[in-house]
Amino acid sequence: MATTSDEAAIRRVLTRWMQLDDSYADEEWITGILTEDFVLHAGDLRVEGRAAVRELNDRRAAGPPRGKHILSEPNIEVNGDEAVAITDYLYVTGSAEAGYTITTAGQYRDELVRDPAGAWRVRRRTNTHMSVPAGAPS
């Protein structure tokens, strides 16, 4: 049975992950939030394990500056030492020329497990990007 404290802890984990990611604190979230066997699905992309996540972030570091994740309130279902959280998100970037722009919108489906110390960790994330309707202004 889920407790309010489990749901609050999961919300903190998910929020902290995006804050650390936006702040380039990659190693902190990779080791502190993800399980060793973490799997990421995002479209055709599949990344398995912390080492592969590090490689992906090394490639991201060579790209444009990171933006900011804006998260909705997650819908959390806890079943013992496992949980699923579904969170809608916007990703905002900014530049002096263009100002702020929403560059991505979508939904995260996170599968979490409670580790032996009682902390919640993310085992799997599926990132579904929202489709832009044909003919919509860019």
Protein backbone atom coordinates (compact mmCIF):
# COMPACT_ATOMS: atom_id res chain seq x y z
CA MET A 1 0.00 0.00 0.00
CA ALA A 2 1.34 3.42 -0.97
CA THR A 3 1.99 5.94 1.71
CA THR A 4 2.04 9.69 1.39
CA SER A 5 5.71 9.60 2.35
CA ASP A 6 6.48 7.17 -0.53
CA GLU A 7 4.75 9.42 -3.02
CA ALA A 8 6.50 12.52 -1.64
CA ALA A 9 9.88 10.76 -1.80
CA ILE A 10 9.26 9.75 -5.42
CA ARG A 11 8.26 13.31 -6.36
CA ARG A 12 11.50 14.57 -4.77
CA VAL A 13 13.56 12.01 -6.71
CA LEU A 14 12.01 12.94 -10.05
CA THR A 15 12.26 16.68 -9.43
CA ARG A 16 15.84 16.43 -8.17
CA TRP A 17 16.87 14.41 -11.24
CA MET A 18 15.76 17.13 -13.64
CA GLN A 19 17.24 19.92 -11.49
CA LEU A 20 20.61 18.13 -11.42
CA ASP A 21 20.44 17.42 -15.15
CA ASP A 22 19.65 21.06 -15.93
CA SER A 23 22.60 22.11 -13.73
CA TYR A 24 25.14 19.77 -15.41
CA ALA A 25 25.49 17.71 -12.19
CA ASP A 26 25.37 14.52 -14.23
CA GLU A 27 27.39 12.18 -12.04
CA GLU A 28 25.28 13.08 -9.02
CA TRP A 29 22.02 12.04 -10.67
CA ILE A 30 23.50 9.09 -12.57
CA THR A 31 24.84 7.45 -9.41
CA GLY A 32 22.35 8.85 -6.89
CA ILE A 33 19.07 8.35 -8.75
CA LEU A 34 19.47 5.62 -11.38
CA THR A 35 19.80 1.90 -10.74
CA GLU A 36 22.89 0.13 -12.14
CA ASP A 37 20.70 -1.54 -14.78
CA PHE A 38 18.76 1.61 -15.71
CA VAL A 39 17.15 1.63 -19.18
CA LEU A 40 16.09 4.72 -21.15
CA HIS A 41 13.70 4.54 -24.12
CA ALA A 42 13.11 7.69 -26.14
CA GLY A 43 11.79 7.10 -29.65
CA ASP A 44 14.40 4.97 -31.42
CA LEU A 45 16.97 5.61 -28.69
CA ARG A 46 17.62 2.86 -26.15
CA VAL A 47 20.30 3.35 -23.50
CA GLU A 48 21.11 0.59 -21.01
CA GLY A 49 23.17 1.01 -17.84
CA ARG A 50 24.90 3.92 -16.13
CA ALA A 51 27.99 3.74 -18.37
CA ALA A 52 25.83 4.20 -21.48
CA VAL A 53 24.04 7.13 -19.82
CA ARG A 54 27.43 8.75 -19.15
CA GLU A 55 28.40 8.30 -22.82
CA LEU A 56 25.13 9.87 -23.94
CA ASN A 57 25.70 12.85 -21.64
CA ASP A 58 29.26 13.27 -22.90
CA ARG A 59 27.83 13.67 -26.41
CA ARG A 60 25.20 16.12 -25.10
CA ALA A 61 27.91 18.22 -23.43
CA ALA A 62 29.36 19.01 -26.86
CA GLY A 63 26.02 20.42 -28.02
CA PRO A 64 24.11 23.58 -27.21
CA PRO A 65 23.69 24.72 -23.60
CA ARG A 66 21.08 22.84 -21.62
CA GLY A 67 17.67 24.26 -20.97
CA LYS A 68 15.18 23.80 -18.16
CA HIS A 69 12.69 21.00 -17.51
CA ILE A 70 9.23 22.10 -16.38
CA LEU A 71 7.38 19.13 -14.84
CA SER A 72 3.73 18.51 -14.09
CA GLU A 73 2.55 16.85 -10.92
CA PRO A 74 3.32 13.15 -11.44
CA ASN A 75 0.66 10.47 -11.25
CA ILE A 76 2.27 7.90 -8.93
CA GLU A 77 1.19 4.31 -8.32
CA VAL A 78 3.13 2.47 -5.59
CA ASN A 79 3.02 -1.30 -5.23
CA GLY A 80 5.24 -2.38 -2.35
CA ASP A 81 8.86 -1.68 -3.27
CA GLU A 82 8.04 -0.75 -6.87
CA ALA A 83 6.32 2.27 -8.34
CA VAL A 84 5.33 3.84 -11.64
CA ALA A 85 5.21 7.62 -12.09
CA ILE A 86 3.84 9.37 -15.16
CA THR A 87 4.84 13.00 -15.57
CA ASP A 88 4.15 15.46 -18.39
CA TYR A 89 6.94 17.89 -19.18
CA LEU A 90 8.03 20.89 -21.19
CA TYR A 91 11.67 21.59 -22.05
CA VAL A 92 12.55 25.27 -22.39
CA THR A 93 15.70 26.72 -23.91
CA GLY A 94 16.78 30.32 -24.13
CA SER A 95 19.03 32.57 -26.15
CA ALA A 96 19.66 36.29 -26.36
CA GLU A 97 18.40 36.28 -29.94
CA ALA A 98 15.25 34.18 -29.60
CA GLY A 99 14.36 34.56 -25.92
CA TYR A 100 12.74 31.52 -24.32
CA THR A 101 11.37 28.73 -26.48
CA ILE A 102 9.57 25.50 -25.63
CA THR A 103 11.64 23.05 -27.65
CA THR A 104 10.11 19.76 -26.50
CA ALA A 105 6.98 18.54 -24.80
CA GLY A 106 6.09 15.04 -23.80
CA GLN A 107 5.59 12.52 -21.07
CA TYR A 108 7.94 10.50 -18.87
CA ARG A 109 6.91 7.06 -17.63
CA ASP A 110 9.30 6.14 -14.84
CA GLU A 111 9.57 2.76 -13.15
CA LEU A 112 11.12 3.04 -9.69
CA VAL A 113 12.32 0.54 -7.11
CA ARG A 114 13.12 0.94 -3.45
CA ASP A 115 16.76 0.03 -2.76
CA PRO A 116 17.89 -1.90 0.34
CA ALA A 117 18.54 1.38 2.18
CA GLY A 118 14.93 2.46 1.54
CA ALA A 119 15.68 5.09 -1.13
CA TRP A 120 13.67 5.22 -4.35
CA ARG A 121 15.71 4.83 -7.57
CA VAL A 122 14.66 4.96 -11.22
CA ARG A 123 15.04 1.64 -13.05
CA ARG A 124 13.47 2.59 -16.37
CA ARG A 125 12.34 5.75 -18.16
CA THR A 126 10.25 5.88 -21.30
CA ASN A 127 10.21 9.35 -22.84
CA THR A 128 7.34 9.90 -25.27
CA HIS A 129 7.66 13.14 -27.21
CA MET A 130 4.45 14.90 -28.10
CA SER A 131 3.83 14.95 -31.84
CA VAL A 132 3.50 18.30 -33.54
CA PRO A 133 0.45 18.35 -35.83
CA ALA A 134 1.20 18.65 -39.55
CA GLY A 135 1.02 22.25 -40.67
CA ALA A 136 1.42 23.66 -37.16
CA PRO A 137 3.54 26.81 -36.90
CA SER A 138 7.05 26.24 -35.64
